[in-house]
Amino acid sequence: MTRSARALLDEIQKELAPRDDNLLVPLITAGRAPRAVFAALAAEEKRITLSDWRSFHALAARADEPNARTFFGGLAPGEQQANGMLDALLAATGPDHGKERPRAGCQAYPAYVAWLALNGESSAAAAGIFANFAAFGRYCADVAAGMREHYGFADDACAFFDFFAADVPEIEEQALAAIQAGLDARRLDEREAHLCARLFQSYELQFWNTLAGEFRS
């Protein structure tokens, strides 16, 4: 009997859960990060959302399974919407005066998404991408709370982080359908799904920790 997509995702997320080594978010939630870090976050995310928008379109176009096309095709508009939300944060912070812009450690994540758009098996990619959503959403919720409490940012400047902190059951349903289709067709290599998720977690932490190393006061 084919195992369920929910069981696989739960297994992957349990495997990832102990590794939560984000060095930047605790600084923001405590109000100990310099305000300049938000200009860097906005500048780096501007590049990431534009890249991911293209990559998700490419993943959808290359997928030959309808549920995978629906999942990736549904993610792309969110990246475009989020990209526009960053304008208010950029206006509130001014330009990014950090070092080595854009930062390689921040841009490794979208580079991997672009690699998957060319090379990844659709259902394994869906598992890896969605498995990381919970951690990213939690980071965004904490950042938005810290921005309001310690830095006095208005709601429009926090909108990007609020957007990704929100729970969207429809996306989860689409991800599970794409993963289940891969399992049912025996196209999904579970080892590849685990590997993909671990790489996403590593690149996610590399993004935040690159900025923590630069802006830690």
N, C-alpha and C. Protein backbone atom coordinates (compact mmCIF):
# COMPACT_ATOMS: atom_id res chain seq x y z
N MET A 1 0.85 -1.20 0.00
CA MET A 1 0.00 0.00 0.00
C MET A 1 0.88 1.24 0.00
N THR A 2 0.54 2.20 -0.86
CA THR A 2 1.30 3.43 -0.95
C THR A 2 1.12 4.25 0.32
N ARG A 3 2.20 4.79 0.85
CA ARG A 3 2.09 5.59 2.05
C ARG A 3 1.47 6.94 1.71
N SER A 4 1.01 7.67 2.72
CA SER A 4 0.32 8.93 2.46
C SER A 4 1.32 10.08 2.41
N ALA A 5 0.94 11.11 1.65
CA ALA A 5 1.76 12.32 1.58
C ALA A 5 1.87 12.97 2.95
N ARG A 6 0.80 12.93 3.73
CA ARG A 6 0.83 13.51 5.08
C ARG A 6 1.87 12.82 5.95
N ALA A 7 1.94 11.50 5.87
CA ALA A 7 2.91 10.75 6.67
C ALA A 7 4.34 11.12 6.27
N LEU A 8 4.58 11.26 4.97
CA LEU A 8 5.92 11.63 4.51
C LEU A 8 6.28 13.03 4.97
N LEU A 9 5.36 13.98 4.82
CA LEU A 9 5.65 15.35 5.25
C LEU A 9 5.89 15.41 6.75
N ASP A 10 5.08 14.72 7.52
CA ASP A 10 5.27 14.71 8.97
C ASP A 10 6.64 14.15 9.33
N GLU A 11 7.06 13.12 8.63
CA GLU A 11 8.37 12.51 8.87
C GLU A 11 9.48 13.50 8.55
N ILE A 12 9.36 14.19 7.42
CA ILE A 12 10.38 15.16 7.03
C ILE A 12 10.44 16.31 8.02
N GLN A 13 9.30 16.85 8.41
CA GLN A 13 9.29 18.00 9.31
C GLN A 13 9.76 17.62 10.70
N LYS A 14 9.50 16.39 11.12
CA LYS A 14 10.04 15.92 12.40
C LYS A 14 11.55 15.84 12.34
N GLU A 15 12.06 15.40 11.21
CA GLU A 15 13.51 15.32 11.02
C GLU A 15 14.15 16.70 11.07
N LEU A 16 13.48 17.70 10.52
CA LEU A 16 14.04 19.04 10.45
C LEU A 16 13.88 19.81 11.75
N ALA A 17 12.89 19.47 12.54
CA ALA A 17 12.51 20.29 13.70
C ALA A 17 13.65 20.60 14.67
N PRO A 18 14.51 19.65 15.01
CA PRO A 18 15.54 19.95 16.00
C PRO A 18 16.55 21.00 15.56
N ARG A 19 16.72 21.20 14.26
CA ARG A 19 17.72 22.15 13.76
C ARG A 19 17.08 23.52 13.56
N ASP A 20 17.10 24.32 14.62
CA ASP A 20 16.58 25.68 14.52
C ASP A 20 17.66 26.61 15.03
N ASP A 21 18.61 26.92 14.15
CA ASP A 21 19.80 27.68 14.53
C ASP A 21 19.80 29.08 13.94
N ASN A 22 18.61 29.66 13.81
CA ASN A 22 18.49 31.01 13.26
C ASN A 22 19.07 32.01 14.26
N LEU A 23 20.10 32.75 13.85
CA LEU A 23 20.77 33.69 14.74
C LEU A 23 20.21 35.11 14.66
N LEU A 24 19.48 35.41 13.59
CA LEU A 24 19.01 36.79 13.41
C LEU A 24 17.65 37.04 14.05
N VAL A 25 16.71 36.13 13.87
CA VAL A 25 15.35 36.38 14.35
C VAL A 25 15.31 36.67 15.85
N PRO A 26 16.06 35.92 16.69
CA PRO A 26 16.03 36.27 18.12
C PRO A 26 16.55 37.69 18.40
N LEU A 27 17.50 38.17 17.61
CA LEU A 27 17.99 39.54 17.80
C LEU A 27 16.89 40.55 17.49
N ILE A 28 16.11 40.27 16.45
CA ILE A 28 15.02 41.19 16.09
C ILE A 28 13.92 41.15 17.13
N THR A 29 13.56 39.96 17.58
CA THR A 29 12.46 39.86 18.56
C THR A 29 12.84 40.50 19.89
N ALA A 30 14.14 40.57 20.17
CA ALA A 30 14.60 41.22 21.41
C ALA A 30 14.93 42.69 21.20
N GLY A 31 14.83 43.18 19.96
CA GLY A 31 15.16 44.57 19.67
C GLY A 31 16.64 44.87 19.68
N ARG A 32 17.48 43.85 19.50
CA ARG A 32 18.94 44.03 19.58
C ARG A 32 19.61 44.08 18.21
N ALA A 33 18.86 43.90 17.14
CA ALA A 33 19.43 44.03 15.79
C ALA A 33 19.38 45.50 15.37
N PRO A 34 20.39 46.00 14.67
CA PRO A 34 20.34 47.38 14.21
C PRO A 34 19.25 47.56 13.16
N ARG A 35 18.70 48.75 13.10
CA ARG A 35 17.60 49.03 12.17
C ARG A 35 18.03 48.79 10.72
N ALA A 36 19.31 48.94 10.44
CA ALA A 36 19.81 48.77 9.08
C ALA A 36 19.56 47.37 8.54
N VAL A 37 19.35 46.40 9.42
CA VAL A 37 19.14 45.04 8.94
C VAL A 37 17.86 44.93 8.12
N PHE A 38 16.88 45.79 8.38
CA PHE A 38 15.62 45.69 7.66
C PHE A 38 15.76 46.19 6.21
N ALA A 39 16.65 47.14 5.98
CA ALA A 39 16.94 47.54 4.61
C ALA A 39 17.58 46.38 3.86
N ALA A 40 18.45 45.65 4.53
CA ALA A 40 19.10 44.49 3.91
C ALA A 40 18.08 43.38 3.64
N LEU A 41 17.22 43.12 4.61
CA LEU A 41 16.18 42.11 4.40
C LEU A 41 15.32 42.45 3.20
N ALA A 42 14.91 43.70 3.10
CA ALA A 42 14.05 44.11 1.99
C ALA A 42 14.77 43.98 0.65
N ALA A 43 16.02 44.42 0.60
CA ALA A 43 16.78 44.36 -0.65
C ALA A 43 17.01 42.93 -1.10
N GLU A 44 17.38 42.07 -0.18
CA GLU A 44 17.62 40.67 -0.54
C GLU A 44 16.33 39.97 -0.93
N GLU A 45 15.25 40.24 -0.21
CA GLU A 45 13.97 39.60 -0.53
C GLU A 45 13.39 40.11 -1.85
N LYS A 46 13.70 41.32 -2.23
CA LYS A 46 13.27 41.82 -3.54
C LYS A 46 13.82 40.92 -4.64
N ARG A 47 15.10 40.59 -4.53
CA ARG A 47 15.72 39.71 -5.52
C ARG A 47 15.17 38.30 -5.43
N ILE A 48 14.97 37.81 -4.21
CA ILE A 48 14.53 36.43 -4.03
C ILE A 48 13.12 36.23 -4.58
N THR A 49 12.20 37.13 -4.26
CA THR A 49 10.83 36.94 -4.71
C THR A 49 10.72 37.01 -6.23
N LEU A 50 11.51 37.87 -6.85
CA LEU A 50 11.48 37.94 -8.32
C LEU A 50 12.03 36.67 -8.93
N SER A 51 13.12 36.14 -8.35
CA SER A 51 13.71 34.89 -8.85
C SER A 51 12.75 33.73 -8.63
N ASP A 52 12.18 33.64 -7.42
CA ASP A 52 11.27 32.53 -7.14
C ASP A 52 10.01 32.59 -7.99
N TRP A 53 9.56 33.77 -8.29
CA TRP A 53 8.39 33.93 -9.18
C TRP A 53 8.67 33.25 -10.52
N ARG A 54 9.85 33.52 -11.08
CA ARG A 54 10.21 32.89 -12.36
C ARG A 54 10.39 31.38 -12.19
N SER A 55 11.03 30.98 -11.09
CA SER A 55 11.30 29.56 -10.88
C SER A 55 10.02 28.76 -10.71
N PHE A 56 9.05 29.30 -9.98
CA PHE A 56 7.80 28.57 -9.79
C PHE A 56 7.02 28.45 -11.10
N HIS A 57 7.07 29.49 -11.92
CA HIS A 57 6.46 29.37 -13.24
C HIS A 57 7.15 28.28 -14.05
N ALA A 58 8.48 28.21 -13.97
CA ALA A 58 9.23 27.19 -14.71
C ALA A 58 8.92 25.79 -14.18
N LEU A 59 8.82 25.65 -12.86
CA LEU A 59 8.47 24.36 -12.28
C LEU A 59 7.08 23.92 -12.73
N ALA A 60 6.15 24.87 -12.76
CA ALA A 60 4.79 24.54 -13.21
C ALA A 60 4.78 24.14 -14.67
N ALA A 61 5.54 24.85 -15.50
CA ALA A 61 5.56 24.56 -16.93
C ALA A 61 6.21 23.21 -17.22
N ARG A 62 7.21 22.83 -16.42
CA ARG A 62 7.92 21.57 -16.68
C ARG A 62 7.20 20.37 -16.10
N ALA A 63 6.35 20.60 -15.10
CA ALA A 63 5.65 19.48 -14.46
C ALA A 63 4.67 18.84 -15.43
N ASP A 64 4.68 17.50 -15.49
CA ASP A 64 3.75 16.80 -16.37
C ASP A 64 2.62 16.15 -15.59
N GLU A 65 2.47 16.55 -14.32
CA GLU A 65 1.40 16.02 -13.47
C GLU A 65 0.53 17.19 -13.03
N PRO A 66 -0.78 17.11 -13.20
CA PRO A 66 -1.66 18.27 -12.96
C PRO A 66 -1.59 18.84 -11.55
N ASN A 67 -1.48 18.00 -10.53
CA ASN A 67 -1.43 18.52 -9.16
C ASN A 67 -0.16 19.31 -8.89
N ALA A 68 0.94 18.87 -9.47
CA ALA A 68 2.19 19.60 -9.32
C ALA A 68 2.10 20.95 -10.03
N ARG A 69 1.50 20.95 -11.22
CA ARG A 69 1.34 22.23 -11.93
C ARG A 69 0.49 23.20 -11.12
N THR A 70 -0.56 22.69 -10.51
CA THR A 70 -1.43 23.54 -9.70
C THR A 70 -0.67 24.11 -8.50
N PHE A 71 0.12 23.28 -7.82
CA PHE A 71 0.86 23.74 -6.65
C PHE A 71 1.86 24.83 -7.02
N PHE A 72 2.73 24.55 -7.99
CA PHE A 72 3.75 25.54 -8.35
C PHE A 72 3.13 26.78 -8.99
N GLY A 73 2.12 26.56 -9.83
CA GLY A 73 1.45 27.70 -10.45
C GLY A 73 0.76 28.58 -9.42
N GLY A 74 0.30 27.99 -8.32
CA GLY A 74 -0.34 28.77 -7.27
C GLY A 74 0.65 29.55 -6.43
N LEU A 75 1.90 29.09 -6.34
CA LEU A 75 2.90 29.81 -5.56
C LEU A 75 3.40 31.06 -6.27
N ALA A 76 3.46 31.03 -7.59
CA ALA A 76 4.06 32.14 -8.34
C ALA A 76 3.37 33.49 -8.08
N PRO A 77 2.03 33.60 -8.13
CA PRO A 77 1.41 34.90 -7.87
C PRO A 77 1.70 35.45 -6.48
N GLY A 78 1.86 34.58 -5.50
CA GLY A 78 2.19 35.03 -4.15
C GLY A 78 3.55 35.70 -4.10
N GLU A 79 4.50 35.18 -4.87
CA GLU A 79 5.82 35.81 -4.91
C GLU A 79 5.75 37.20 -5.52
N GLN A 80 4.94 37.34 -6.57
CA GLN A 80 4.78 38.66 -7.20
C GLN A 80 4.11 39.63 -6.24
N GLN A 81 3.09 39.17 -5.52
CA GLN A 81 2.40 40.02 -4.56
C GLN A 81 3.35 40.42 -3.43
N ALA A 82 4.12 39.48 -2.93
CA ALA A 82 5.05 39.77 -1.85
C ALA A 82 6.13 40.75 -2.30
N ASN A 83 6.57 40.62 -3.53
CA ASN A 83 7.58 41.55 -4.06
C ASN A 83 7.09 42.99 -3.97
N GLY A 84 5.83 43.21 -4.33
CA GLY A 84 5.27 44.56 -4.25
C GLY A 84 5.15 45.06 -2.82
N MET A 85 4.90 44.16 -1.88
CA MET A 85 4.76 44.55 -0.47
C MET A 85 6.06 45.09 0.11
N LEU A 86 7.18 44.72 -0.48
CA LEU A 86 8.47 45.17 0.04
C LEU A 86 8.73 46.65 -0.22
N ASP A 87 7.99 47.25 -1.14
CA ASP A 87 8.24 48.66 -1.46
C ASP A 87 8.03 49.55 -0.25
N ALA A 88 7.02 49.26 0.57
CA ALA A 88 6.77 50.08 1.75
C ALA A 88 7.91 49.93 2.77
N LEU A 89 8.46 48.73 2.89
CA LEU A 89 9.58 48.54 3.81
C LEU A 89 10.82 49.26 3.29
N LEU A 90 11.06 49.19 2.00
CA LEU A 90 12.19 49.91 1.41
C LEU A 90 12.05 51.42 1.62
N ALA A 91 10.83 51.94 1.48
CA ALA A 91 10.60 53.36 1.70
C ALA A 91 10.83 53.74 3.15
N ALA A 92 10.51 52.84 4.07
CA ALA A 92 10.66 53.13 5.50
C ALA A 92 12.10 53.01 5.97
N THR A 93 12.90 52.20 5.29
CA THR A 93 14.27 51.95 5.75
C THR A 93 15.31 52.72 4.96
N GLY A 94 15.01 53.07 3.72
CA GLY A 94 16.04 53.62 2.86
C GLY A 94 16.87 52.51 2.24
N PRO A 95 17.93 52.87 1.50
CA PRO A 95 18.71 51.86 0.78
C PRO A 95 19.54 50.98 1.71
N ASP A 96 19.91 49.83 1.20
CA ASP A 96 20.76 48.88 1.91
C ASP A 96 22.21 49.32 1.75
N HIS A 97 22.85 49.64 2.86
CA HIS A 97 24.26 50.05 2.83
C HIS A 97 25.19 48.95 3.32
N GLY A 98 24.69 47.73 3.34
CA GLY A 98 25.50 46.61 3.83
C GLY A 98 26.62 46.24 2.87
N LYS A 99 27.36 45.22 3.25
CA LYS A 99 28.52 44.79 2.48
C LYS A 99 28.14 43.76 1.42
N GLU A 100 28.88 43.77 0.33
CA GLU A 100 28.81 42.72 -0.70
C GLU A 100 27.38 42.46 -1.16
N ARG A 101 26.72 43.51 -1.58
CA ARG A 101 25.33 43.37 -2.04
C ARG A 101 25.31 42.93 -3.51
N PRO A 102 24.46 42.00 -3.92
CA PRO A 102 23.67 41.10 -3.08
C PRO A 102 24.59 40.08 -2.40
N ARG A 103 24.16 39.56 -1.28
CA ARG A 103 24.99 38.67 -0.48
C ARG A 103 24.82 37.23 -0.97
N ALA A 104 25.92 36.57 -1.24
CA ALA A 104 25.86 35.20 -1.75
C ALA A 104 25.13 34.28 -0.78
N GLY A 105 25.36 34.49 0.52
CA GLY A 105 24.70 33.65 1.51
C GLY A 105 23.20 33.81 1.54
N CYS A 106 22.72 34.97 1.13
CA CYS A 106 21.27 35.20 1.07
C CYS A 106 20.68 34.67 -0.23
N GLN A 107 21.44 34.73 -1.30
CA GLN A 107 20.92 34.37 -2.61
C GLN A 107 21.12 32.90 -2.96
N ALA A 108 21.72 32.13 -2.05
CA ALA A 108 21.86 30.69 -2.29
C ALA A 108 20.49 30.01 -2.34
N TYR A 109 19.55 30.46 -1.51
CA TYR A 109 18.21 29.86 -1.47
C TYR A 109 17.52 29.95 -2.84
N PRO A 110 17.35 31.15 -3.42
CA PRO A 110 16.69 31.19 -4.72
C PRO A 110 17.49 30.51 -5.83
N ALA A 111 18.80 30.46 -5.67
CA ALA A 111 19.60 29.73 -6.66
C ALA A 111 19.25 28.25 -6.65
N TYR A 112 19.00 27.70 -5.46
CA TYR A 112 18.61 26.30 -5.37
C TYR A 112 17.21 26.09 -5.95
N VAL A 113 16.29 27.02 -5.70
CA VAL A 113 14.96 26.91 -6.29
C VAL A 113 15.07 26.91 -7.82
N ALA A 114 15.93 27.78 -8.35
CA ALA A 114 16.13 27.83 -9.80
C ALA A 114 16.74 26.52 -10.31
N TRP A 115 17.66 25.93 -9.53
CA TRP A 115 18.23 24.63 -9.92
C TRP A 115 17.14 23.58 -9.97
N LEU A 116 16.25 23.58 -8.97
CA LEU A 116 15.15 22.62 -8.97
C LEU A 116 14.24 22.81 -10.18
N ALA A 117 14.06 24.06 -10.60
CA ALA A 117 13.19 24.33 -11.75
C ALA A 117 13.71 23.66 -13.00
N LEU A 118 15.01 23.43 -13.07
CA LEU A 118 15.60 22.77 -14.23
C LEU A 118 15.81 21.27 -14.01
N ASN A 119 16.06 20.87 -12.78
CA ASN A 119 16.54 19.50 -12.53
C ASN A 119 15.68 18.67 -11.59
N GLY A 120 14.83 19.30 -10.80
CA GLY A 120 14.13 18.57 -9.75
C GLY A 120 12.93 17.78 -10.25
N GLU A 121 12.69 16.63 -9.61
CA GLU A 121 11.45 15.90 -9.85
C GLU A 121 10.34 16.64 -9.11
N SER A 122 9.20 16.81 -9.76
CA SER A 122 8.19 17.75 -9.29
C SER A 122 7.68 17.44 -7.88
N SER A 123 7.33 16.19 -7.61
CA SER A 123 6.74 15.89 -6.31
C SER A 123 7.77 15.97 -5.18
N ALA A 124 9.01 15.59 -5.44
CA ALA A 124 10.06 15.74 -4.43
C ALA A 124 10.34 17.20 -4.16
N ALA A 125 10.34 18.01 -5.22
CA ALA A 125 10.53 19.46 -5.05
C ALA A 125 9.38 20.06 -4.24
N ALA A 126 8.16 19.62 -4.50
CA ALA A 126 7.00 20.11 -3.75
C ALA A 126 7.15 19.77 -2.27
N ALA A 127 7.60 18.56 -1.98
CA ALA A 127 7.79 18.15 -0.59
C ALA A 127 8.85 19.00 0.09
N GLY A 128 9.96 19.22 -0.58
CA GLY A 128 11.04 20.02 0.00
C GLY A 128 10.64 21.45 0.23
N ILE A 129 9.97 22.04 -0.76
CA ILE A 129 9.55 23.43 -0.64
C ILE A 129 8.53 23.60 0.48
N PHE A 130 7.51 22.75 0.49
CA PHE A 130 6.46 22.93 1.47
C PHE A 130 6.94 22.61 2.89
N ALA A 131 7.85 21.65 3.02
CA ALA A 131 8.35 21.29 4.35
C ALA A 131 9.00 22.47 5.05
N ASN A 132 9.55 23.40 4.27
CA ASN A 132 10.23 24.56 4.85
C ASN A 132 9.27 25.71 5.17
N PHE A 133 8.04 25.64 4.67
CA PHE A 133 7.11 26.76 4.84
C PHE A 133 6.82 27.06 6.31
N ALA A 134 6.69 26.03 7.13
CA ALA A 134 6.33 26.26 8.53
C ALA A 134 7.41 27.06 9.24
N ALA A 135 8.67 26.72 9.01
CA ALA A 135 9.77 27.46 9.65
C ALA A 135 9.81 28.89 9.15
N PHE A 136 9.70 29.08 7.84
CA PHE A 136 9.75 30.44 7.29
C PHE A 136 8.58 31.27 7.82
N GLY A 137 7.40 30.68 7.88
CA GLY A 137 6.25 31.39 8.40
C GLY A 137 6.44 31.79 9.85
N ARG A 138 7.03 30.91 10.65
CA ARG A 138 7.30 31.23 12.06
C ARG A 138 8.31 32.37 12.17
N TYR A 139 9.36 32.32 11.36
CA TYR A 139 10.35 33.40 11.38
C TYR A 139 9.69 34.73 11.01
N CYS A 140 8.85 34.70 9.98
CA CYS A 140 8.21 35.94 9.53
C CYS A 140 7.28 36.51 10.60
N ALA A 141 6.54 35.65 11.29
CA ALA A 141 5.66 36.11 12.36
C ALA A 141 6.46 36.78 13.47
N ASP A 142 7.59 36.18 13.84
CA ASP A 142 8.42 36.75 14.90
C ASP A 142 9.05 38.08 14.46
N VAL A 143 9.49 38.15 13.20
CA VAL A 143 10.08 39.39 12.70
C VAL A 143 9.04 40.51 12.70
N ALA A 144 7.84 40.22 12.21
CA ALA A 144 6.79 41.24 12.18
C ALA A 144 6.47 41.74 13.58
N ALA A 145 6.39 40.83 14.55
CA ALA A 145 6.12 41.24 15.92
C ALA A 145 7.24 42.12 16.46
N GLY A 146 8.49 41.74 16.20
CA GLY A 146 9.63 42.54 16.65
C GLY A 146 9.68 43.90 15.98
N MET A 147 9.34 43.95 14.70
CA MET A 147 9.34 45.23 13.98
C MET A 147 8.37 46.22 14.62
N ARG A 148 7.22 45.74 15.00
CA ARG A 148 6.22 46.62 15.61
C ARG A 148 6.59 47.01 17.04
N GLU A 149 7.05 46.02 17.80
CA GLU A 149 7.28 46.27 19.23
C GLU A 149 8.52 47.10 19.50
N HIS A 150 9.60 46.83 18.75
CA HIS A 150 10.88 47.46 19.08
C HIS A 150 11.34 48.53 18.11
N TYR A 151 10.80 48.53 16.89
CA TYR A 151 11.33 49.43 15.87
C TYR A 151 10.29 50.42 15.35
N GLY A 152 9.05 50.28 15.74
CA GLY A 152 8.02 51.25 15.39
C GLY A 152 7.59 51.24 13.93
N PHE A 153 7.74 50.11 13.25
CA PHE A 153 7.31 50.05 11.85
C PHE A 153 5.79 49.99 11.77
N ALA A 154 5.24 50.65 10.75
CA ALA A 154 3.79 50.62 10.51
C ALA A 154 3.41 49.32 9.81
N ASP A 155 2.10 49.09 9.75
CA ASP A 155 1.61 47.83 9.18
C ASP A 155 2.06 47.62 7.75
N ASP A 156 2.09 48.68 6.94
CA ASP A 156 2.47 48.48 5.53
C ASP A 156 3.92 48.04 5.40
N ALA A 157 4.79 48.48 6.29
CA ALA A 157 6.18 48.06 6.24
C ALA A 157 6.35 46.62 6.69
N CYS A 158 5.41 46.13 7.50
CA CYS A 158 5.46 44.75 8.00
C CYS A 158 4.70 43.78 7.10
N ALA A 159 4.06 44.30 6.04
CA ALA A 159 3.12 43.49 5.26
C ALA A 159 3.75 42.25 4.65
N PHE A 160 5.00 42.34 4.19
CA PHE A 160 5.67 41.18 3.60
C PHE A 160 5.74 40.03 4.60
N PHE A 161 6.14 40.34 5.83
CA PHE A 161 6.29 39.30 6.84
C PHE A 161 4.94 38.80 7.33
N ASP A 162 3.96 39.69 7.41
CA ASP A 162 2.60 39.25 7.76
C ASP A 162 2.06 38.28 6.71
N PHE A 163 2.36 38.57 5.46
CA PHE A 163 1.86 37.76 4.35
C PHE A 163 2.35 36.32 4.45
N PHE A 164 3.64 36.15 4.71
CA PHE A 164 4.20 34.80 4.76
C PHE A 164 3.96 34.13 6.11
N ALA A 165 3.59 34.91 7.11
CA ALA A 165 3.25 34.31 8.41
C ALA A 165 1.86 33.70 8.42
N ALA A 166 1.01 34.13 7.49
CA ALA A 166 -0.38 33.66 7.47
C ALA A 166 -0.47 32.20 7.04
N ASP A 167 -1.37 31.47 7.68
CA ASP A 167 -1.61 30.08 7.32
C ASP A 167 -2.57 30.04 6.12
N VAL A 168 -2.19 29.29 5.08
CA VAL A 168 -3.01 29.19 3.87
C VAL A 168 -3.30 27.71 3.62
N PRO A 169 -4.43 27.20 4.13
CA PRO A 169 -4.73 25.77 3.99
C PRO A 169 -4.77 25.29 2.54
N GLU A 170 -5.16 26.16 1.62
CA GLU A 170 -5.26 25.76 0.22
C GLU A 170 -3.90 25.34 -0.33
N ILE A 171 -2.84 26.06 0.06
CA ILE A 171 -1.51 25.71 -0.42
C ILE A 171 -1.09 24.35 0.13
N GLU A 172 -1.40 24.11 1.39
CA GLU A 172 -1.08 22.81 1.98
C GLU A 172 -1.81 21.68 1.24
N GLU A 173 -3.08 21.88 0.94
CA GLU A 173 -3.85 20.88 0.21
C GLU A 173 -3.24 20.61 -1.16
N GLN A 174 -2.81 21.66 -1.85
CA GLN A 174 -2.21 21.49 -3.17
C GLN A 174 -0.87 20.77 -3.08
N ALA A 175 -0.09 21.09 -2.06
CA ALA A 175 1.20 20.41 -1.87
C ALA A 175 0.99 18.93 -1.60
N LEU A 176 0.05 18.62 -0.72
CA LEU A 176 -0.22 17.21 -0.41
C LEU A 176 -0.70 16.45 -1.64
N ALA A 177 -1.51 17.09 -2.47
CA ALA A 177 -1.99 16.43 -3.69
C ALA A 177 -0.84 16.15 -4.65
N ALA A 178 0.08 17.11 -4.78
CA ALA A 178 1.23 16.91 -5.67
C ALA A 178 2.14 15.81 -5.16
N ILE A 179 2.36 15.79 -3.85
CA ILE A 179 3.23 14.75 -3.26
C ILE A 179 2.57 13.38 -3.37
N GLN A 180 1.26 13.33 -3.10
CA GLN A 180 0.55 12.05 -3.17
C GLN A 180 0.57 11.49 -4.59
N ALA A 181 0.43 12.36 -5.57
CA ALA A 181 0.47 11.90 -6.96
C ALA A 181 1.83 11.28 -7.28
N GLY A 182 2.90 11.88 -6.76
CA GLY A 182 4.23 11.31 -6.97
C GLY A 182 4.41 9.97 -6.29
N LEU A 183 3.86 9.87 -5.08
CA LEU A 183 3.93 8.59 -4.36
C LEU A 183 3.13 7.51 -5.07
N ASP A 184 1.91 7.85 -5.49
CA ASP A 184 1.04 6.87 -6.13
C ASP A 184 1.64 6.35 -7.44
N ALA A 185 2.31 7.25 -8.16
CA ALA A 185 2.91 6.87 -9.43
C ALA A 185 4.31 6.26 -9.27
N ARG A 186 4.78 6.20 -8.02
CA ARG A 186 6.12 5.70 -7.70
C ARG A 186 7.21 6.49 -8.42
N ARG A 187 6.94 7.78 -8.56
CA ARG A 187 7.94 8.66 -9.16
C ARG A 187 8.71 9.42 -8.10
N LEU A 188 8.16 9.50 -6.92
CA LEU A 188 8.79 10.27 -5.85
C LEU A 188 9.78 9.38 -5.09
N ASP A 189 11.04 9.77 -5.15
CA ASP A 189 12.08 9.11 -4.37
C ASP A 189 12.09 9.77 -2.99
N GLU A 190 11.68 9.03 -1.97
CA GLU A 190 11.57 9.63 -0.64
C GLU A 190 12.91 10.14 -0.12
N ARG A 191 13.98 9.49 -0.46
CA ARG A 191 15.30 9.97 -0.04
C ARG A 191 15.58 11.34 -0.67
N GLU A 192 15.15 11.52 -1.92
CA GLU A 192 15.34 12.81 -2.59
C GLU A 192 14.50 13.89 -1.94
N ALA A 193 13.29 13.54 -1.52
CA ALA A 193 12.43 14.51 -0.84
C ALA A 193 13.05 14.96 0.47
N HIS A 194 13.60 14.01 1.23
CA HIS A 194 14.29 14.36 2.48
C HIS A 194 15.50 15.24 2.21
N LEU A 195 16.27 14.89 1.19
CA LEU A 195 17.46 15.68 0.84
C LEU A 195 17.06 17.09 0.45
N CYS A 196 16.05 17.20 -0.37
CA CYS A 196 15.58 18.50 -0.82
C CYS A 196 15.16 19.37 0.37
N ALA A 197 14.44 18.79 1.30
CA ALA A 197 13.98 19.53 2.48
C ALA A 197 15.16 19.97 3.34
N ARG A 198 16.15 19.08 3.52
CA ARG A 198 17.32 19.46 4.33
C ARG A 198 18.09 20.59 3.68
N LEU A 199 18.22 20.56 2.37
CA LEU A 199 18.91 21.66 1.68
C LEU A 199 18.14 22.96 1.83
N PHE A 200 16.83 22.89 1.71
CA PHE A 200 16.04 24.11 1.91
C PHE A 200 16.24 24.67 3.31
N GLN A 201 16.23 23.80 4.31
CA GLN A 201 16.45 24.27 5.67
C GLN A 201 17.83 24.93 5.80
N SER A 202 18.85 24.30 5.20
CA SER A 202 20.20 24.85 5.28
C SER A 202 20.30 26.20 4.59
N TYR A 203 19.73 26.31 3.39
CA TYR A 203 19.77 27.58 2.68
C TYR A 203 18.95 28.65 3.39
N GLU A 204 17.83 28.25 4.01
CA GLU A 204 17.02 29.18 4.78
C GLU A 204 17.82 29.77 5.94
N LEU A 205 18.48 28.90 6.70
CA LEU A 205 19.28 29.37 7.82
C LEU A 205 20.48 30.19 7.34
N GLN A 206 21.04 29.81 6.21
CA GLN A 206 22.17 30.57 5.66
C GLN A 206 21.74 31.99 5.34
N PHE A 207 20.52 32.16 4.83
CA PHE A 207 20.01 33.51 4.55
C PHE A 207 20.02 34.36 5.81
N TRP A 208 19.36 33.88 6.85
CA TRP A 208 19.23 34.67 8.09
C TRP A 208 20.59 34.85 8.77
N ASN A 209 21.41 33.83 8.78
CA ASN A 209 22.66 33.90 9.51
C ASN A 209 23.72 34.72 8.79
N THR A 210 23.61 34.81 7.46
CA THR A 210 24.48 35.73 6.73
C THR A 210 24.25 37.15 7.21
N LEU A 211 22.99 37.54 7.36
CA LEU A 211 22.66 38.88 7.83
C LEU A 211 23.02 39.05 9.31
N ALA A 212 22.82 38.00 10.10
CA ALA A 212 23.18 38.08 11.53
C ALA A 212 24.68 38.35 11.69
N GLY A 213 25.49 37.68 10.88
CA GLY A 213 26.93 37.89 10.97
C GLY A 213 27.34 39.30 10.58
N GLU A 214 26.62 39.90 9.66
CA GLU A 214 26.95 41.25 9.21
C GLU A 214 26.45 42.33 10.14
N PHE A 215 25.26 42.11 10.72
CA PHE A 215 24.60 43.19 11.46
C PHE A 215 24.54 42.96 12.97
N ARG A 216 25.14 41.89 13.46
CA ARG A 216 25.10 41.66 14.90
C ARG A 216 25.83 42.79 15.62
N SER A 217 25.14 43.43 16.55
CA SER A 217 25.72 44.60 17.25
C SER A 217 26.47 44.17 18.50
